[in-house]
């Protein structure tokens, strides 16, 4: 199983997805550990998260 973690960037005011970023790359560039606080483990959870951001 893959252990890739990404951060979905959402602009709530515009109701738009602005990007999908690698948390590993952010960590390397900033020199800090990035731990996502809210993880979706299934597409259903991802969809529910996106719908709640609308």
PDB file of N, CA and C in Angstrom:
ATOM      1  N   UNK A   1       0.836  -1.184   0.000  1.00  0.00           N
ATOM      2  CA  UNK A   1       0.000   0.000   0.000  1.00  0.00           C
ATOM      3  C   UNK A   1       0.875   1.239   0.000  1.00  0.00           C
ATOM      4  N   UNK A   2       0.442   2.237  -0.730  1.00  0.00           N
ATOM      5  CA  UNK A   2       1.192   3.493  -0.812  1.00  0.00           C
ATOM      6  C   UNK A   2       0.938   4.331   0.424  1.00  0.00           C
ATOM      7  N   UNK A   3       1.917   5.105   0.817  1.00  0.00           N
ATOM      8  CA  UNK A   3       1.772   5.993   1.964  1.00  0.00           C
ATOM      9  C   UNK A   3       2.026   7.425   1.542  1.00  0.00           C
ATOM     10  N   UNK A   4       1.492   7.803   0.415  1.00  0.00           N
ATOM     11  CA  UNK A   4       1.643   9.169  -0.068  1.00  0.00           C
ATOM     12  C   UNK A   4       0.572  10.043   0.565  1.00  0.00           C
ATOM     13  N   UNK A   5       0.986  11.222   1.018  1.00  0.00           N
ATOM     14  CA  UNK A   5       0.034  12.127   1.634  1.00  0.00           C
ATOM     15  C   UNK A   5       0.064  13.456   0.888  1.00  0.00           C
ATOM     16  N   UNK A   6      -1.111  13.953   0.600  1.00  0.00           N
ATOM     17  CA  UNK A   6      -1.249  15.211  -0.116  1.00  0.00           C
ATOM     18  C   UNK A   6      -2.233  16.118   0.603  1.00  0.00           C
ATOM     19  N   UNK A   7      -2.096  17.405   0.371  1.00  0.00           N
ATOM     20  CA  UNK A   7      -3.004  18.391   0.943  1.00  0.00           C
ATOM     21  C   UNK A   7      -3.832  18.984  -0.188  1.00  0.00           C
ATOM     22  N   UNK A   8      -5.130  18.958  -0.021  1.00  0.00           N
ATOM     23  CA  UNK A   8      -6.039  19.553  -0.993  1.00  0.00           C
ATOM     24  C   UNK A   8      -6.266  21.004  -0.587  1.00  0.00           C
ATOM     25  N   UNK A   9      -5.988  21.932  -1.493  1.00  0.00           N
ATOM     26  CA  UNK A   9      -6.141  23.359  -1.215  1.00  0.00           C
ATOM     27  C   UNK A   9      -7.472  23.813  -1.789  1.00  0.00           C
ATOM     28  N   UNK A  10      -8.345  24.299  -0.900  1.00  0.00           N
ATOM     29  CA  UNK A  10      -9.690  24.709  -1.302  1.00  0.00           C
ATOM     30  C   UNK A  10      -9.889  26.176  -0.959  1.00  0.00           C
ATOM     31  N   UNK A  11     -10.423  26.943  -1.901  1.00  0.00           N
ATOM     32  CA  UNK A  11     -10.805  28.337  -1.643  1.00  0.00           C
ATOM     33  C   UNK A  11     -12.311  28.350  -1.418  1.00  0.00           C
ATOM     34  N   UNK A  12     -12.705  28.463  -0.168  1.00  0.00           N
ATOM     35  CA  UNK A  12     -14.125  28.355   0.186  1.00  0.00           C
ATOM     36  C   UNK A  12     -14.965  29.486  -0.390  1.00  0.00           C
ATOM     37  N   UNK A  13     -14.446  30.719  -0.392  1.00  0.00           N
ATOM     38  CA  UNK A  13     -15.230  31.854  -0.901  1.00  0.00           C
ATOM     39  C   UNK A  13     -15.576  31.688  -2.369  1.00  0.00           C
ATOM     40  N   UNK A  14     -14.638  31.135  -3.147  1.00  0.00           N
ATOM     41  CA  UNK A  14     -14.861  30.953  -4.580  1.00  0.00           C
ATOM     42  C   UNK A  14     -15.440  29.574  -4.888  1.00  0.00           C
ATOM     43  N   UNK A  15     -15.567  28.723  -3.830  1.00  0.00           N
ATOM     44  CA  UNK A  15     -16.093  27.377  -4.011  1.00  0.00           C
ATOM     45  C   UNK A  15     -15.292  26.621  -5.078  1.00  0.00           C
ATOM     46  N   UNK A  16     -13.951  26.642  -4.901  1.00  0.00           N
ATOM     47  CA  UNK A  16     -13.079  26.063  -5.921  1.00  0.00           C
ATOM     48  C   UNK A  16     -11.899  25.333  -5.298  1.00  0.00           C
ATOM     49  N   UNK A  17     -11.450  24.299  -5.982  1.00  0.00           N
ATOM     50  CA  UNK A  17     -10.217  23.604  -5.610  1.00  0.00           C
ATOM     51  C   UNK A  17      -9.069  24.348  -6.282  1.00  0.00           C
ATOM     52  N   UNK A  18      -8.066  24.714  -5.496  1.00  0.00           N
ATOM     53  CA  UNK A  18      -6.940  25.493  -6.018  1.00  0.00           C
ATOM     54  C   UNK A  18      -5.676  24.682  -6.216  1.00  0.00           C
ATOM     55  N   UNK A  19      -5.583  23.506  -5.590  1.00  0.00           N
ATOM     56  CA  UNK A  19      -4.376  22.728  -5.782  1.00  0.00           C
ATOM     57  C   UNK A  19      -4.357  21.458  -4.968  1.00  0.00           C
ATOM     58  N   UNK A  20      -3.400  20.608  -5.302  1.00  0.00           N
ATOM     59  CA  UNK A  20      -3.148  19.371  -4.585  1.00  0.00           C
ATOM     60  C   UNK A  20      -1.636  19.313  -4.389  1.00  0.00           C
ATOM     61  N   UNK A  21      -1.195  19.399  -3.136  1.00  0.00           N
ATOM     62  CA  UNK A  21       0.221  19.512  -2.836  1.00  0.00           C
ATOM     63  C   UNK A  21       0.728  18.306  -2.050  1.00  0.00           C
ATOM     64  N   UNK A  22       1.952  17.920  -2.307  1.00  0.00           N
ATOM     65  CA  UNK A  22       2.591  16.831  -1.575  1.00  0.00           C
ATOM     66  C   UNK A  22       3.038  17.333  -0.206  1.00  0.00           C
ATOM     67  N   UNK A  23       2.542  16.702   0.862  1.00  0.00           N
ATOM     68  CA  UNK A  23       2.963  17.115   2.203  1.00  0.00           C
ATOM     69  C   UNK A  23       4.434  16.773   2.443  1.00  0.00           C
ATOM     70  N   UNK A  24       4.931  15.736   1.790  1.00  0.00           N
ATOM     71  CA  UNK A  24       6.349  15.376   1.900  1.00  0.00           C
ATOM     72  C   UNK A  24       7.220  16.488   1.317  1.00  0.00           C
ATOM     73  N   UNK A  25       6.831  16.996   0.174  1.00  0.00           N
ATOM     74  CA  UNK A  25       7.612  18.060  -0.461  1.00  0.00           C
ATOM     75  C   UNK A  25       7.540  19.358   0.337  1.00  0.00           C
ATOM     76  N   UNK A  26       6.356  19.665   0.882  1.00  0.00           N
ATOM     77  CA  UNK A  26       6.215  20.853   1.731  1.00  0.00           C
ATOM     78  C   UNK A  26       7.143  20.725   2.937  1.00  0.00           C
ATOM     79  N   UNK A  27       7.157  19.545   3.546  1.00  0.00           N
ATOM     80  CA  UNK A  27       8.023  19.300   4.704  1.00  0.00           C
ATOM     81  C   UNK A  27       9.488  19.514   4.364  1.00  0.00           C
ATOM     82  N   UNK A  28       9.914  18.972   3.233  1.00  0.00           N
ATOM     83  CA  UNK A  28      11.314  19.122   2.809  1.00  0.00           C
ATOM     84  C   UNK A  28      11.671  20.575   2.553  1.00  0.00           C
ATOM     85  N   UNK A  29      10.822  21.285   1.839  1.00  0.00           N
ATOM     86  CA  UNK A  29      11.098  22.681   1.478  1.00  0.00           C
ATOM     87  C   UNK A  29      11.136  23.602   2.693  1.00  0.00           C
ATOM     88  N   UNK A  30      10.225  23.367   3.669  1.00  0.00           N
ATOM     89  CA  UNK A  30      10.155  24.225   4.847  1.00  0.00           C
ATOM     90  C   UNK A  30      11.024  23.746   5.993  1.00  0.00           C
ATOM     91  N   UNK A  31      11.492  22.498   5.903  1.00  0.00           N
ATOM     92  CA  UNK A  31      12.323  21.942   6.960  1.00  0.00           C
ATOM     93  C   UNK A  31      11.548  21.642   8.235  1.00  0.00           C
ATOM     94  N   UNK A  32      10.256  21.378   8.088  1.00  0.00           N
ATOM     95  CA  UNK A  32       9.413  21.045   9.239  1.00  0.00           C
ATOM     96  C   UNK A  32       8.591  19.804   8.922  1.00  0.00           C
ATOM     97  N   UNK A  33       8.040  19.176   9.958  1.00  0.00           N
ATOM     98  CA  UNK A  33       7.196  18.010   9.774  1.00  0.00           C
ATOM     99  C   UNK A  33       5.752  18.468   9.597  1.00  0.00           C
ATOM    100  N   UNK A  34       5.124  18.091   8.500  1.00  0.00           N
ATOM    101  CA  UNK A  34       3.727  18.445   8.238  1.00  0.00           C
ATOM    102  C   UNK A  34       2.869  17.216   8.503  1.00  0.00           C
ATOM    103  N   UNK A  35       1.989  17.324   9.475  1.00  0.00           N
ATOM    104  CA  UNK A  35       1.067  16.241   9.818  1.00  0.00           C
ATOM    105  C   UNK A  35      -0.347  16.682   9.494  1.00  0.00           C
ATOM    106  N   UNK A  36      -0.960  16.086   8.484  1.00  0.00           N
ATOM    107  CA  UNK A  36      -2.340  16.455   8.154  1.00  0.00           C
ATOM    108  C   UNK A  36      -3.267  16.201   9.344  1.00  0.00           C
ATOM    109  N   UNK A  37      -4.174  17.129   9.589  1.00  0.00           N
ATOM    110  CA  UNK A  37      -5.062  17.002  10.741  1.00  0.00           C
ATOM    111  C   UNK A  37      -6.362  16.288  10.406  1.00  0.00           C
ATOM    112  N   UNK A  38      -6.729  16.289   9.150  1.00  0.00           N
ATOM    113  CA  UNK A  38      -7.992  15.666   8.747  1.00  0.00           C
ATOM    114  C   UNK A  38      -7.729  14.818   7.508  1.00  0.00           C
ATOM    115  N   UNK A  39      -7.727  13.514   7.673  1.00  0.00           N
ATOM    116  CA  UNK A  39      -7.395  12.618   6.563  1.00  0.00           C
ATOM    117  C   UNK A  39      -8.628  11.883   6.059  1.00  0.00           C
ATOM    118  N   UNK A  40      -8.723  11.788   4.755  1.00  0.00           N
ATOM    119  CA  UNK A  40      -9.754  10.960   4.125  1.00  0.00           C
ATOM    120  C   UNK A  40      -9.096   9.637   3.745  1.00  0.00           C
ATOM    121  N   UNK A  41      -9.702   8.541   4.131  1.00  0.00           N
ATOM    122  CA  UNK A  41      -9.149   7.220   3.823  1.00  0.00           C
ATOM    123  C   UNK A  41      -9.867   6.551   2.653  1.00  0.00           C
ATOM    124  N   UNK A  42     -11.012   7.106   2.260  1.00  0.00           N
ATOM    125  CA  UNK A  42     -11.774   6.566   1.130  1.00  0.00           C
ATOM    126  C   UNK A  42     -12.259   7.731   0.270  1.00  0.00           C
ATOM    127  N   UNK A  43     -12.680   7.416  -0.955  1.00  0.00           N
ATOM    128  CA  UNK A  43     -13.237   8.463  -1.816  1.00  0.00           C
ATOM    129  C   UNK A  43     -14.527   9.015  -1.229  1.00  0.00           C
ATOM    130  N   UNK A  44     -15.266   8.185  -0.521  1.00  0.00           N
ATOM    131  CA  UNK A  44     -16.502   8.637   0.119  1.00  0.00           C
ATOM    132  C   UNK A  44     -16.194   9.701   1.183  1.00  0.00           C
ATOM    133  N   UNK A  45     -15.154   9.481   1.976  1.00  0.00           N
ATOM    134  CA  UNK A  45     -14.752  10.458   2.972  1.00  0.00           C
ATOM    135  C   UNK A  45     -14.246  11.747   2.323  1.00  0.00           C
ATOM    136  N   UNK A  46     -13.520  11.609   1.217  1.00  0.00           N
ATOM    137  CA  UNK A  46     -13.045  12.783   0.489  1.00  0.00           C
ATOM    138  C   UNK A  46     -14.200  13.591  -0.052  1.00  0.00           C
ATOM    139  N   UNK A  47     -15.179  12.912  -0.647  1.00  0.00           N
ATOM    140  CA  UNK A  47     -16.358  13.594  -1.182  1.00  0.00           C
ATOM    141  C   UNK A  47     -17.115  14.310  -0.059  1.00  0.00           C
ATOM    142  N   UNK A  48     -17.296  13.651   1.073  1.00  0.00           N
ATOM    143  CA  UNK A  48     -18.009  14.264   2.194  1.00  0.00           C
ATOM    144  C   UNK A  48     -17.270  15.510   2.684  1.00  0.00           C
ATOM    145  N   UNK A  49     -15.953  15.447   2.724  1.00  0.00           N
ATOM    146  CA  UNK A  49     -15.153  16.594   3.146  1.00  0.00           C
ATOM    147  C   UNK A  49     -15.290  17.751   2.176  1.00  0.00           C
ATOM    148  N   UNK A  50     -15.259  17.440   0.880  1.00  0.00           N
ATOM    149  CA  UNK A  50     -15.424  18.486  -0.135  1.00  0.00           C
ATOM    150  C   UNK A  50     -16.809  19.117  -0.080  1.00  0.00           C
ATOM    151  N   UNK A  51     -17.809  18.296   0.128  1.00  0.00           N
ATOM    152  CA  UNK A  51     -19.182  18.809   0.175  1.00  0.00           C
ATOM    153  C   UNK A  51     -19.415  19.684   1.412  1.00  0.00           C
ATOM    154  N   UNK A  52     -18.726  19.377   2.512  1.00  0.00           N
ATOM    155  CA  UNK A  52     -18.890  20.193   3.720  1.00  0.00           C
ATOM    156  C   UNK A  52     -18.162  21.531   3.585  1.00  0.00           C
ATOM    157  N   UNK A  53     -17.209  21.618   2.653  1.00  0.00           N
ATOM    158  CA  UNK A  53     -16.473  22.869   2.438  1.00  0.00           C
ATOM    159  C   UNK A  53     -17.255  23.834   1.557  1.00  0.00           C
ATOM    160  N   UNK A  54     -18.312  23.368   0.942  1.00  0.00           N
ATOM    161  CA  UNK A  54     -19.087  24.209   0.024  1.00  0.00           C
ATOM    162  C   UNK A  54     -19.983  25.135   0.804  1.00  0.00           C
TER     163      UNK A  54
END
